[in-house]
Amino acid sequence: MSGTDPFKVVLASDPAIDTAASNLGQYVADRDVEALSFVDGEEPTIYWCRPLSRAEIREVRNKATEGDKYEAAFVRGLVKVERLMHPDGSRRDWLRPDDRSGKSKPIPDSALETYFSEAEIAEVGMVVMMRSFLARSSGGYYPLPGISQAALTASLYRRAVQTRDSSSSETSSDSPAAPSAQTTSQASES
């Protein structure tokens, strides 16, 4: 992959990921979608992104906080989304709005508020930023932002409960203990 090729991102907490058959630790570390397996009949939401231009990197670097940097990278680097959840509950593809000259411009706040959660903005924006800032030949390291760690923890907990409920022949009122954010963080670093 060259430094200007579009790349795809799947949220680590996407419910279509088969967590038992996937290597989430590897995926979080290198963002190679090949490390993921998906639940039969389920398809993930795919965020297609591009690396930032030199001018866009300067704009991102000048932001005060990590959250602001991730959002700035997201609104500039996201190109399209496959199977995005729309406000009416349907899943449709989404294409970034561009101005009439055909030049990319940042995604407007109205689209962010309508279609994207803070967890999506932070995780995808972090990947765009890291892919743009790292040397082209260095590979990559993509630690999950805190909000994405919490989303992954909640997703893993829901799946554990669903798996237990669907595979257990015994009726029990005990729920498995929710994994802590620290446990999820450690798993994502392995």
N, C-alpha and C. Protein backbone atom coordinates (compact mmCIF):
# COMPACT_ATOMS: atom_id res chain seq x y z
N MET A 1 0.85 -1.17 0.00
CA MET A 1 0.00 0.00 0.00
C MET A 1 0.89 1.23 0.00
N SER A 2 0.60 2.16 -0.89
CA SER A 2 1.38 3.40 -0.93
C SER A 2 0.80 4.37 0.08
N GLY A 3 1.52 5.47 0.34
CA GLY A 3 1.10 6.44 1.33
C GLY A 3 -0.12 7.24 0.94
N THR A 4 -0.58 7.11 -0.31
CA THR A 4 -1.75 7.89 -0.73
C THR A 4 -2.97 7.00 -1.02
N ASP A 5 -2.81 5.69 -0.91
CA ASP A 5 -3.93 4.78 -1.18
C ASP A 5 -5.01 4.90 -0.12
N PRO A 6 -6.28 4.80 -0.54
CA PRO A 6 -7.35 4.73 0.45
C PRO A 6 -7.20 3.45 1.28
N PHE A 7 -7.68 3.50 2.50
CA PHE A 7 -7.61 2.33 3.37
C PHE A 7 -8.93 2.22 4.13
N LYS A 8 -9.22 1.01 4.62
CA LYS A 8 -10.47 0.82 5.33
C LYS A 8 -10.23 0.57 6.81
N VAL A 9 -11.21 1.03 7.59
CA VAL A 9 -11.18 0.88 9.03
C VAL A 9 -12.51 0.27 9.46
N VAL A 10 -12.45 -0.70 10.35
CA VAL A 10 -13.63 -1.26 10.99
C VAL A 10 -13.46 -0.96 12.47
N LEU A 11 -14.50 -0.46 13.13
CA LEU A 11 -14.39 -0.19 14.56
C LEU A 11 -14.12 -1.49 15.30
N ALA A 12 -13.24 -1.46 16.28
CA ALA A 12 -12.91 -2.66 17.06
C ALA A 12 -14.13 -3.19 17.80
N SER A 13 -15.13 -2.34 18.02
CA SER A 13 -16.34 -2.76 18.72
C SER A 13 -17.50 -3.09 17.78
N ASP A 14 -17.24 -3.20 16.48
CA ASP A 14 -18.32 -3.49 15.53
C ASP A 14 -18.98 -4.82 15.88
N PRO A 15 -20.32 -4.84 16.01
CA PRO A 15 -21.00 -6.08 16.40
C PRO A 15 -20.90 -7.21 15.38
N ALA A 16 -20.47 -6.94 14.17
CA ALA A 16 -20.32 -7.99 13.17
C ALA A 16 -19.04 -8.79 13.36
N ILE A 17 -18.12 -8.31 14.19
CA ILE A 17 -16.85 -9.02 14.41
C ILE A 17 -17.11 -10.25 15.27
N ASP A 18 -16.61 -11.38 14.81
CA ASP A 18 -16.64 -12.62 15.58
C ASP A 18 -15.41 -12.57 16.50
N THR A 19 -15.65 -12.19 17.74
CA THR A 19 -14.52 -11.97 18.66
C THR A 19 -13.78 -13.25 18.98
N ALA A 20 -14.46 -14.39 18.94
CA ALA A 20 -13.79 -15.66 19.24
C ALA A 20 -12.85 -16.07 18.10
N ALA A 21 -13.19 -15.73 16.87
CA ALA A 21 -12.40 -16.16 15.72
C ALA A 21 -11.45 -15.07 15.21
N SER A 22 -11.52 -13.88 15.79
CA SER A 22 -10.69 -12.75 15.34
C SER A 22 -9.51 -12.55 16.27
N ASN A 23 -8.48 -11.93 15.75
CA ASN A 23 -7.34 -11.54 16.57
C ASN A 23 -7.45 -10.03 16.79
N LEU A 24 -8.28 -9.64 17.78
CA LEU A 24 -8.52 -8.22 18.02
C LEU A 24 -7.26 -7.48 18.45
N GLY A 25 -6.42 -8.13 19.22
CA GLY A 25 -5.17 -7.49 19.64
C GLY A 25 -4.32 -7.11 18.45
N GLN A 26 -4.18 -8.03 17.50
CA GLN A 26 -3.41 -7.73 16.29
C GLN A 26 -4.10 -6.63 15.49
N TYR A 27 -5.43 -6.71 15.35
CA TYR A 27 -6.14 -5.70 14.56
C TYR A 27 -5.97 -4.30 15.16
N VAL A 28 -6.11 -4.19 16.47
CA VAL A 28 -5.96 -2.88 17.11
C VAL A 28 -4.54 -2.36 16.92
N ALA A 29 -3.56 -3.26 16.93
CA ALA A 29 -2.17 -2.83 16.80
C ALA A 29 -1.83 -2.40 15.38
N ASP A 30 -2.28 -3.16 14.36
CA ASP A 30 -1.83 -2.83 13.00
C ASP A 30 -2.95 -2.46 12.03
N ARG A 31 -4.21 -2.56 12.45
CA ARG A 31 -5.38 -2.19 11.65
C ARG A 31 -5.45 -2.94 10.32
N ASP A 32 -4.94 -4.17 10.30
CA ASP A 32 -5.06 -5.03 9.13
C ASP A 32 -6.38 -5.79 9.25
N VAL A 33 -7.35 -5.46 8.41
CA VAL A 33 -8.69 -6.04 8.48
C VAL A 33 -8.65 -7.56 8.29
N GLU A 34 -7.57 -8.08 7.71
CA GLU A 34 -7.43 -9.52 7.52
C GLU A 34 -7.38 -10.27 8.86
N ALA A 35 -7.08 -9.58 9.95
CA ALA A 35 -7.04 -10.22 11.27
C ALA A 35 -8.44 -10.45 11.84
N LEU A 36 -9.46 -9.92 11.17
CA LEU A 36 -10.83 -10.03 11.66
C LEU A 36 -11.61 -11.12 10.94
N SER A 37 -12.46 -11.78 11.70
CA SER A 37 -13.47 -12.70 11.14
C SER A 37 -14.82 -12.13 11.55
N PHE A 38 -15.83 -12.41 10.74
CA PHE A 38 -17.14 -11.83 11.00
C PHE A 38 -18.19 -12.91 11.24
N VAL A 39 -19.18 -12.56 12.03
CA VAL A 39 -20.28 -13.46 12.33
C VAL A 39 -20.98 -13.81 11.02
N ASP A 40 -21.33 -15.09 10.85
CA ASP A 40 -22.03 -15.51 9.63
C ASP A 40 -23.28 -14.66 9.42
N GLY A 41 -23.43 -14.14 8.21
CA GLY A 41 -24.60 -13.34 7.86
C GLY A 41 -24.52 -11.89 8.27
N GLU A 42 -23.44 -11.49 8.94
CA GLU A 42 -23.27 -10.10 9.38
C GLU A 42 -22.17 -9.43 8.57
N GLU A 43 -22.34 -8.15 8.30
CA GLU A 43 -21.31 -7.38 7.61
C GLU A 43 -20.99 -6.15 8.45
N PRO A 44 -19.70 -5.82 8.56
CA PRO A 44 -19.32 -4.66 9.37
C PRO A 44 -19.58 -3.35 8.64
N THR A 45 -19.59 -2.29 9.41
CA THR A 45 -19.57 -0.94 8.83
C THR A 45 -18.11 -0.66 8.47
N ILE A 46 -17.87 -0.27 7.23
CA ILE A 46 -16.50 -0.03 6.76
C ILE A 46 -16.33 1.46 6.47
N TYR A 47 -15.33 2.05 7.10
CA TYR A 47 -14.98 3.46 6.93
C TYR A 47 -13.81 3.52 5.96
N TRP A 48 -14.04 4.08 4.78
CA TRP A 48 -12.96 4.26 3.80
C TRP A 48 -12.33 5.62 4.03
N CYS A 49 -11.02 5.63 4.17
CA CYS A 49 -10.29 6.86 4.50
C CYS A 49 -9.11 7.04 3.56
N ARG A 50 -8.55 8.23 3.62
CA ARG A 50 -7.34 8.52 2.86
C ARG A 50 -6.35 9.23 3.80
N PRO A 51 -5.06 9.08 3.52
CA PRO A 51 -4.08 9.83 4.32
C PRO A 51 -4.27 11.34 4.09
N LEU A 52 -3.88 12.12 5.06
CA LEU A 52 -4.02 13.57 4.98
C LEU A 52 -2.91 14.19 4.13
N SER A 53 -3.24 15.30 3.51
CA SER A 53 -2.23 16.07 2.76
C SER A 53 -1.33 16.80 3.75
N ARG A 54 -0.25 17.36 3.26
CA ARG A 54 0.68 18.11 4.10
C ARG A 54 -0.03 19.26 4.81
N ALA A 55 -0.85 20.02 4.08
CA ALA A 55 -1.58 21.14 4.67
C ALA A 55 -2.56 20.65 5.74
N GLU A 56 -3.21 19.53 5.50
CA GLU A 56 -4.15 18.98 6.48
C GLU A 56 -3.42 18.50 7.73
N ILE A 57 -2.24 17.92 7.56
CA ILE A 57 -1.44 17.48 8.72
C ILE A 57 -1.10 18.69 9.60
N ARG A 58 -0.73 19.80 8.98
CA ARG A 58 -0.44 21.03 9.75
C ARG A 58 -1.67 21.47 10.55
N GLU A 59 -2.86 21.43 9.90
CA GLU A 59 -4.09 21.82 10.59
C GLU A 59 -4.36 20.91 11.79
N VAL A 60 -4.18 19.62 11.61
CA VAL A 60 -4.41 18.66 12.70
C VAL A 60 -3.41 18.88 13.82
N ARG A 61 -2.15 19.07 13.48
CA ARG A 61 -1.10 19.25 14.49
C ARG A 61 -1.36 20.48 15.36
N ASN A 62 -2.01 21.50 14.81
CA ASN A 62 -2.25 22.74 15.56
C ASN A 62 -3.42 22.66 16.53
N LYS A 63 -4.13 21.55 16.58
CA LYS A 63 -5.25 21.41 17.52
C LYS A 63 -4.70 21.20 18.93
N ALA A 64 -5.47 21.66 19.93
CA ALA A 64 -4.98 21.67 21.32
C ALA A 64 -5.03 20.30 21.99
N THR A 65 -6.08 19.52 21.78
CA THR A 65 -6.24 18.26 22.50
C THR A 65 -6.22 17.08 21.53
N GLU A 66 -5.98 15.88 22.08
CA GLU A 66 -6.01 14.68 21.25
C GLU A 66 -7.39 14.51 20.60
N GLY A 67 -8.45 14.74 21.36
CA GLY A 67 -9.81 14.61 20.81
C GLY A 67 -10.03 15.54 19.63
N ASP A 68 -9.56 16.78 19.76
CA ASP A 68 -9.69 17.74 18.65
C ASP A 68 -8.87 17.30 17.44
N LYS A 69 -7.69 16.72 17.70
CA LYS A 69 -6.85 16.22 16.60
C LYS A 69 -7.54 15.07 15.88
N TYR A 70 -8.13 14.14 16.64
CA TYR A 70 -8.82 13.00 16.02
C TYR A 70 -10.00 13.48 15.18
N GLU A 71 -10.76 14.44 15.71
CA GLU A 71 -11.90 14.95 14.95
C GLU A 71 -11.43 15.66 13.67
N ALA A 72 -10.37 16.46 13.79
CA ALA A 72 -9.85 17.17 12.60
C ALA A 72 -9.39 16.17 11.54
N ALA A 73 -8.75 15.09 11.96
CA ALA A 73 -8.31 14.06 11.00
C ALA A 73 -9.51 13.34 10.40
N PHE A 74 -10.52 13.04 11.23
CA PHE A 74 -11.72 12.36 10.75
C PHE A 74 -12.45 13.17 9.69
N VAL A 75 -12.69 14.45 9.96
CA VAL A 75 -13.48 15.27 9.02
C VAL A 75 -12.74 15.54 7.72
N ARG A 76 -11.42 15.37 7.72
CA ARG A 76 -10.65 15.58 6.50
C ARG A 76 -10.33 14.28 5.78
N GLY A 77 -10.14 13.18 6.51
CA GLY A 77 -9.68 11.93 5.91
C GLY A 77 -10.75 10.92 5.56
N LEU A 78 -11.96 11.04 6.15
CA LEU A 78 -13.02 10.07 5.83
C LEU A 78 -13.57 10.36 4.44
N VAL A 79 -13.64 9.32 3.60
CA VAL A 79 -14.10 9.48 2.23
C VAL A 79 -15.52 8.94 2.06
N LYS A 80 -15.76 7.73 2.54
CA LYS A 80 -17.10 7.14 2.45
C LYS A 80 -17.24 6.08 3.53
N VAL A 81 -18.49 5.68 3.76
CA VAL A 81 -18.78 4.63 4.74
C VAL A 81 -19.75 3.64 4.11
N GLU A 82 -19.41 2.37 4.21
CA GLU A 82 -20.32 1.32 3.74
C GLU A 82 -21.16 0.83 4.91
N ARG A 83 -22.46 0.73 4.69
CA ARG A 83 -23.41 0.22 5.69
C ARG A 83 -23.45 1.07 6.96
N LEU A 84 -23.47 2.37 6.80
CA LEU A 84 -23.56 3.28 7.94
C LEU A 84 -24.99 3.26 8.47
N MET A 85 -25.13 3.21 9.80
CA MET A 85 -26.44 3.27 10.43
C MET A 85 -26.98 4.70 10.30
N HIS A 86 -28.15 4.83 9.67
CA HIS A 86 -28.77 6.14 9.49
C HIS A 86 -29.77 6.39 10.62
N PRO A 87 -30.18 7.63 10.82
CA PRO A 87 -31.09 7.96 11.92
C PRO A 87 -32.40 7.16 11.90
N ASP A 88 -32.84 6.72 10.72
CA ASP A 88 -34.09 5.95 10.64
C ASP A 88 -33.88 4.47 10.93
N GLY A 89 -32.65 4.07 11.29
CA GLY A 89 -32.36 2.68 11.62
C GLY A 89 -31.91 1.83 10.45
N SER A 90 -31.97 2.38 9.24
CA SER A 90 -31.52 1.62 8.07
C SER A 90 -30.01 1.73 7.92
N ARG A 91 -29.44 0.81 7.18
CA ARG A 91 -28.00 0.85 6.87
C ARG A 91 -27.85 1.15 5.39
N ARG A 92 -27.16 2.25 5.11
CA ARG A 92 -26.91 2.65 3.72
C ARG A 92 -25.49 3.19 3.62
N ASP A 93 -24.99 3.23 2.41
CA ASP A 93 -23.68 3.82 2.19
C ASP A 93 -23.78 5.34 2.32
N TRP A 94 -22.69 5.95 2.76
CA TRP A 94 -22.62 7.40 2.95
C TRP A 94 -21.37 7.88 2.22
N LEU A 95 -21.50 8.96 1.49
CA LEU A 95 -20.38 9.55 0.75
C LEU A 95 -20.19 10.97 1.23
N ARG A 96 -18.95 11.35 1.49
CA ARG A 96 -18.68 12.69 2.03
C ARG A 96 -19.11 13.77 1.04
N PRO A 97 -19.65 14.85 1.53
CA PRO A 97 -20.01 15.96 0.64
C PRO A 97 -18.75 16.74 0.23
N ASP A 98 -18.65 17.06 -1.02
CA ASP A 98 -17.55 17.88 -1.51
C ASP A 98 -18.13 19.16 -2.10
N ASP A 99 -17.29 20.18 -2.19
CA ASP A 99 -17.81 21.41 -2.78
C ASP A 99 -17.91 21.26 -4.30
N ARG A 100 -18.52 22.22 -4.95
CA ARG A 100 -18.79 22.13 -6.39
C ARG A 100 -17.54 22.04 -7.25
N SER A 101 -16.40 22.47 -6.72
CA SER A 101 -15.16 22.41 -7.49
C SER A 101 -14.57 20.99 -7.51
N GLY A 102 -15.16 20.09 -6.72
CA GLY A 102 -14.66 18.72 -6.66
C GLY A 102 -13.57 18.54 -5.63
N LYS A 103 -13.21 19.61 -4.89
CA LYS A 103 -12.18 19.51 -3.87
C LYS A 103 -12.81 19.05 -2.56
N SER A 104 -12.09 18.24 -1.84
CA SER A 104 -12.58 17.80 -0.54
C SER A 104 -12.57 18.95 0.44
N LYS A 105 -13.57 19.00 1.26
CA LYS A 105 -13.61 19.96 2.36
C LYS A 105 -13.99 19.19 3.61
N PRO A 106 -13.71 19.71 4.79
CA PRO A 106 -14.05 18.98 6.01
C PRO A 106 -15.55 18.67 6.07
N ILE A 107 -15.86 17.53 6.66
CA ILE A 107 -17.26 17.14 6.84
C ILE A 107 -17.91 18.15 7.78
N PRO A 108 -19.07 18.68 7.42
CA PRO A 108 -19.70 19.70 8.28
C PRO A 108 -20.24 19.11 9.59
N ASP A 109 -20.35 19.97 10.60
CA ASP A 109 -20.87 19.55 11.90
C ASP A 109 -22.24 18.91 11.80
N SER A 110 -23.08 19.40 10.89
CA SER A 110 -24.43 18.83 10.76
C SER A 110 -24.37 17.35 10.40
N ALA A 111 -23.44 16.95 9.54
CA ALA A 111 -23.29 15.53 9.19
C ALA A 111 -22.71 14.75 10.36
N LEU A 112 -21.76 15.34 11.08
CA LEU A 112 -21.20 14.67 12.26
C LEU A 112 -22.29 14.38 13.28
N GLU A 113 -23.11 15.38 13.55
CA GLU A 113 -24.17 15.23 14.55
C GLU A 113 -25.22 14.22 14.12
N THR A 114 -25.49 14.13 12.84
CA THR A 114 -26.53 13.23 12.33
C THR A 114 -26.06 11.78 12.26
N TYR A 115 -24.83 11.55 11.82
CA TYR A 115 -24.40 10.20 11.47
C TYR A 115 -23.34 9.55 12.34
N PHE A 116 -22.54 10.33 13.07
CA PHE A 116 -21.36 9.75 13.71
C PHE A 116 -21.32 9.99 15.21
N SER A 117 -20.95 8.94 15.95
CA SER A 117 -20.79 9.05 17.41
C SER A 117 -19.38 9.54 17.73
N GLU A 118 -19.19 9.97 18.96
CA GLU A 118 -17.86 10.39 19.40
C GLU A 118 -16.87 9.23 19.31
N ALA A 119 -17.33 8.01 19.61
CA ALA A 119 -16.43 6.85 19.54
C ALA A 119 -15.97 6.61 18.10
N GLU A 120 -16.87 6.73 17.14
CA GLU A 120 -16.49 6.57 15.73
C GLU A 120 -15.48 7.64 15.31
N ILE A 121 -15.79 8.88 15.67
CA ILE A 121 -14.92 10.01 15.30
C ILE A 121 -13.53 9.81 15.90
N ALA A 122 -13.47 9.42 17.17
CA ALA A 122 -12.17 9.27 17.84
C ALA A 122 -11.37 8.11 17.25
N GLU A 123 -11.99 6.93 17.11
CA GLU A 123 -11.23 5.77 16.65
C GLU A 123 -10.80 5.90 15.19
N VAL A 124 -11.72 6.26 14.32
CA VAL A 124 -11.37 6.40 12.90
C VAL A 124 -10.42 7.58 12.70
N GLY A 125 -10.68 8.68 13.39
CA GLY A 125 -9.80 9.84 13.29
C GLY A 125 -8.39 9.54 13.76
N MET A 126 -8.26 8.74 14.83
CA MET A 126 -6.94 8.35 15.31
C MET A 126 -6.19 7.54 14.25
N VAL A 127 -6.91 6.61 13.59
CA VAL A 127 -6.25 5.81 12.56
C VAL A 127 -5.81 6.70 11.38
N VAL A 128 -6.68 7.60 10.96
CA VAL A 128 -6.32 8.53 9.87
C VAL A 128 -5.09 9.34 10.27
N MET A 129 -5.09 9.86 11.48
CA MET A 129 -3.98 10.68 11.94
C MET A 129 -2.68 9.87 11.98
N MET A 130 -2.73 8.68 12.57
CA MET A 130 -1.52 7.87 12.68
C MET A 130 -1.00 7.44 11.31
N ARG A 131 -1.90 7.05 10.40
CA ARG A 131 -1.46 6.66 9.05
C ARG A 131 -0.82 7.85 8.33
N SER A 132 -1.30 9.05 8.62
CA SER A 132 -0.79 10.24 7.95
C SER A 132 0.52 10.73 8.55
N PHE A 133 0.69 10.56 9.87
CA PHE A 133 1.85 11.10 10.57
C PHE A 133 3.03 10.15 10.56
N LEU A 134 2.79 8.85 10.54
CA LEU A 134 3.89 7.89 10.60
C LEU A 134 4.63 7.83 9.29
N ALA A 135 5.90 7.50 9.36
CA ALA A 135 6.69 7.32 8.13
C ALA A 135 6.02 6.25 7.28
N ARG A 136 6.01 6.43 5.99
CA ARG A 136 5.32 5.53 5.07
C ARG A 136 5.75 4.08 5.23
N SER A 137 7.00 3.85 5.58
CA SER A 137 7.51 2.49 5.65
C SER A 137 7.53 1.92 7.07
N SER A 138 7.02 2.66 8.05
CA SER A 138 7.18 2.24 9.44
C SER A 138 6.14 1.25 9.91
N GLY A 139 5.18 0.89 9.07
CA GLY A 139 4.09 0.05 9.57
C GLY A 139 3.17 0.97 10.35
N GLY A 140 2.69 0.54 11.45
CA GLY A 140 1.83 1.42 12.22
C GLY A 140 1.52 0.87 13.59
N TYR A 141 1.11 1.73 14.46
CA TYR A 141 0.62 1.37 15.77
C TYR A 141 -0.57 2.26 16.04
N TYR A 142 -1.69 1.67 16.40
CA TYR A 142 -2.95 2.41 16.50
C TYR A 142 -3.65 2.13 17.82
N PRO A 143 -3.19 2.70 18.92
CA PRO A 143 -3.84 2.44 20.21
C PRO A 143 -5.26 2.97 20.21
N LEU A 144 -6.17 2.26 20.88
CA LEU A 144 -7.55 2.71 20.94
C LEU A 144 -7.68 3.93 21.84
N PRO A 145 -8.39 4.98 21.36
CA PRO A 145 -8.70 6.09 22.26
C PRO A 145 -9.57 5.59 23.41
N GLY A 146 -9.56 6.29 24.53
CA GLY A 146 -10.31 5.87 25.71
C GLY A 146 -11.77 5.56 25.44
N ILE A 147 -12.45 6.41 24.67
CA ILE A 147 -13.87 6.19 24.40
C ILE A 147 -14.07 4.91 23.58
N SER A 148 -13.12 4.58 22.72
CA SER A 148 -13.22 3.35 21.93
C SER A 148 -12.92 2.13 22.80
N GLN A 149 -12.04 2.28 23.79
CA GLN A 149 -11.80 1.18 24.74
C GLN A 149 -13.09 0.87 25.49
N ALA A 150 -13.80 1.92 25.91
CA ALA A 150 -15.06 1.71 26.62
C ALA A 150 -16.10 1.05 25.72
N ALA A 151 -16.16 1.46 24.45
CA ALA A 151 -17.11 0.86 23.51
C ALA A 151 -16.78 -0.60 23.27
N LEU A 152 -15.50 -0.93 23.15
CA LEU A 152 -15.09 -2.31 22.96
C LEU A 152 -15.42 -3.14 24.19
N THR A 153 -15.17 -2.60 25.37
CA THR A 153 -15.50 -3.31 26.61
C THR A 153 -16.99 -3.63 26.66
N ALA A 154 -17.83 -2.65 26.35
CA ALA A 154 -19.28 -2.86 26.36
C ALA A 154 -19.69 -3.90 25.32
N SER A 155 -19.09 -3.84 24.16
CA SER A 155 -19.40 -4.79 23.08
C SER A 155 -19.02 -6.21 23.49
N LEU A 156 -17.84 -6.38 24.05
CA LEU A 156 -17.41 -7.71 24.50
C LEU A 156 -18.32 -8.24 25.59
N TYR A 157 -18.74 -7.39 26.51
CA TYR A 157 -19.64 -7.80 27.58
C TYR A 157 -20.99 -8.26 27.01
N ARG A 158 -21.57 -7.46 26.08
CA ARG A 158 -22.85 -7.84 25.47
C ARG A 158 -22.74 -9.19 24.77
N ARG A 159 -21.64 -9.40 24.06
CA ARG A 159 -21.46 -10.67 23.35
C ARG A 159 -21.31 -11.83 24.32
N ALA A 160 -20.63 -11.61 25.43
CA ALA A 160 -20.49 -12.68 26.43
C ALA A 160 -21.84 -13.07 26.99
N VAL A 161 -22.67 -12.08 27.28
CA VAL A 161 -24.02 -12.36 27.79
C VAL A 161 -24.85 -13.08 26.74
N GLN A 162 -24.79 -12.61 25.48
CA GLN A 162 -25.55 -13.26 24.41
C GLN A 162 -25.10 -14.69 24.20
N THR A 163 -23.79 -14.92 24.21
CA THR A 163 -23.25 -16.26 24.01
C THR A 163 -23.69 -17.17 25.16
N ARG A 164 -23.58 -16.66 26.37
CA ARG A 164 -23.99 -17.45 27.53
C ARG A 164 -25.47 -17.79 27.44
N ASP A 165 -26.30 -16.78 27.11
CA ASP A 165 -27.74 -17.01 27.05
C ASP A 165 -28.13 -17.96 25.94
N SER A 166 -27.43 -17.90 24.80
CA SER A 166 -27.81 -18.76 23.68
C SER A 166 -27.24 -20.17 23.81
N SER A 167 -26.15 -20.35 24.56
CA SER A 167 -25.54 -21.68 24.64
C SER A 167 -25.83 -22.39 25.96
N SER A 168 -26.37 -21.69 26.92
CA SER A 168 -26.62 -22.29 28.22
C SER A 168 -27.98 -22.97 28.24
N SER A 169 -27.98 -24.22 28.71
CA SER A 169 -29.25 -24.92 28.85
C SER A 169 -29.81 -24.72 30.25
N GLU A 170 -28.97 -24.19 31.14
CA GLU A 170 -29.41 -23.91 32.50
C GLU A 170 -29.94 -22.49 32.57
N THR A 171 -30.92 -22.28 33.41
CA THR A 171 -31.39 -20.91 33.63
C THR A 171 -30.72 -20.39 34.88
N SER A 172 -30.04 -19.29 34.71
CA SER A 172 -29.30 -18.69 35.80
C SER A 172 -29.47 -17.19 35.74
N SER A 173 -29.56 -16.57 36.89
CA SER A 173 -29.70 -15.11 36.91
C SER A 173 -28.36 -14.43 37.04
N ASP A 174 -27.28 -15.21 37.16
CA ASP A 174 -25.96 -14.60 37.27
C ASP A 174 -25.47 -14.17 35.90
N SER A 175 -25.02 -12.94 35.80
CA SER A 175 -24.43 -12.43 34.56
C SER A 175 -22.93 -12.47 34.71
N PRO A 176 -22.21 -12.69 33.61
CA PRO A 176 -20.75 -12.64 33.72
C PRO A 176 -20.31 -11.23 34.08
N ALA A 177 -19.21 -11.17 34.79
CA ALA A 177 -18.70 -9.86 35.19
C ALA A 177 -18.24 -9.11 33.95
N ALA A 178 -18.58 -7.83 33.89
CA ALA A 178 -18.16 -7.00 32.77
C ALA A 178 -16.66 -6.81 32.83
N PRO A 179 -15.96 -6.96 31.69
CA PRO A 179 -14.51 -6.73 31.71
C PRO A 179 -14.23 -5.26 31.97
N SER A 180 -13.15 -5.00 32.68
CA SER A 180 -12.81 -3.62 32.97
C SER A 180 -12.14 -2.98 31.76
N ALA A 181 -12.14 -1.66 31.71
CA ALA A 181 -11.47 -0.96 30.62
C ALA A 181 -9.99 -1.28 30.63
N GLN A 182 -9.40 -1.49 31.83
CA GLN A 182 -7.99 -1.82 31.89
C GLN A 182 -7.73 -3.18 31.28
N THR A 183 -8.62 -4.17 31.52
CA THR A 183 -8.47 -5.49 30.91
C THR A 183 -8.55 -5.38 29.40
N THR A 184 -9.52 -4.61 28.89
CA THR A 184 -9.66 -4.44 27.46
C THR A 184 -8.44 -3.75 26.88
N SER A 185 -7.92 -2.75 27.59
CA SER A 185 -6.74 -2.04 27.13
C SER A 185 -5.55 -2.99 27.04
N GLN A 186 -5.39 -3.84 28.05
CA GLN A 186 -4.30 -4.79 28.01
C GLN A 186 -4.46 -5.78 26.87
N ALA A 187 -5.69 -6.23 26.61
CA ALA A 187 -5.93 -7.17 25.51
C ALA A 187 -5.63 -6.51 24.18
N SER A 188 -5.95 -5.23 24.06
CA SER A 188 -5.71 -4.55 22.78
C SER A 188 -4.23 -4.32 22.53
N GLU A 189 -3.42 -4.33 23.61
CA GLU A 189 -1.99 -4.11 23.45
C GLU A 189 -1.25 -5.42 23.15
N SER A 190 -1.91 -6.56 23.34
CA SER A 190 -1.22 -7.85 23.10
C SER A 190 -1.16 -8.18 21.64
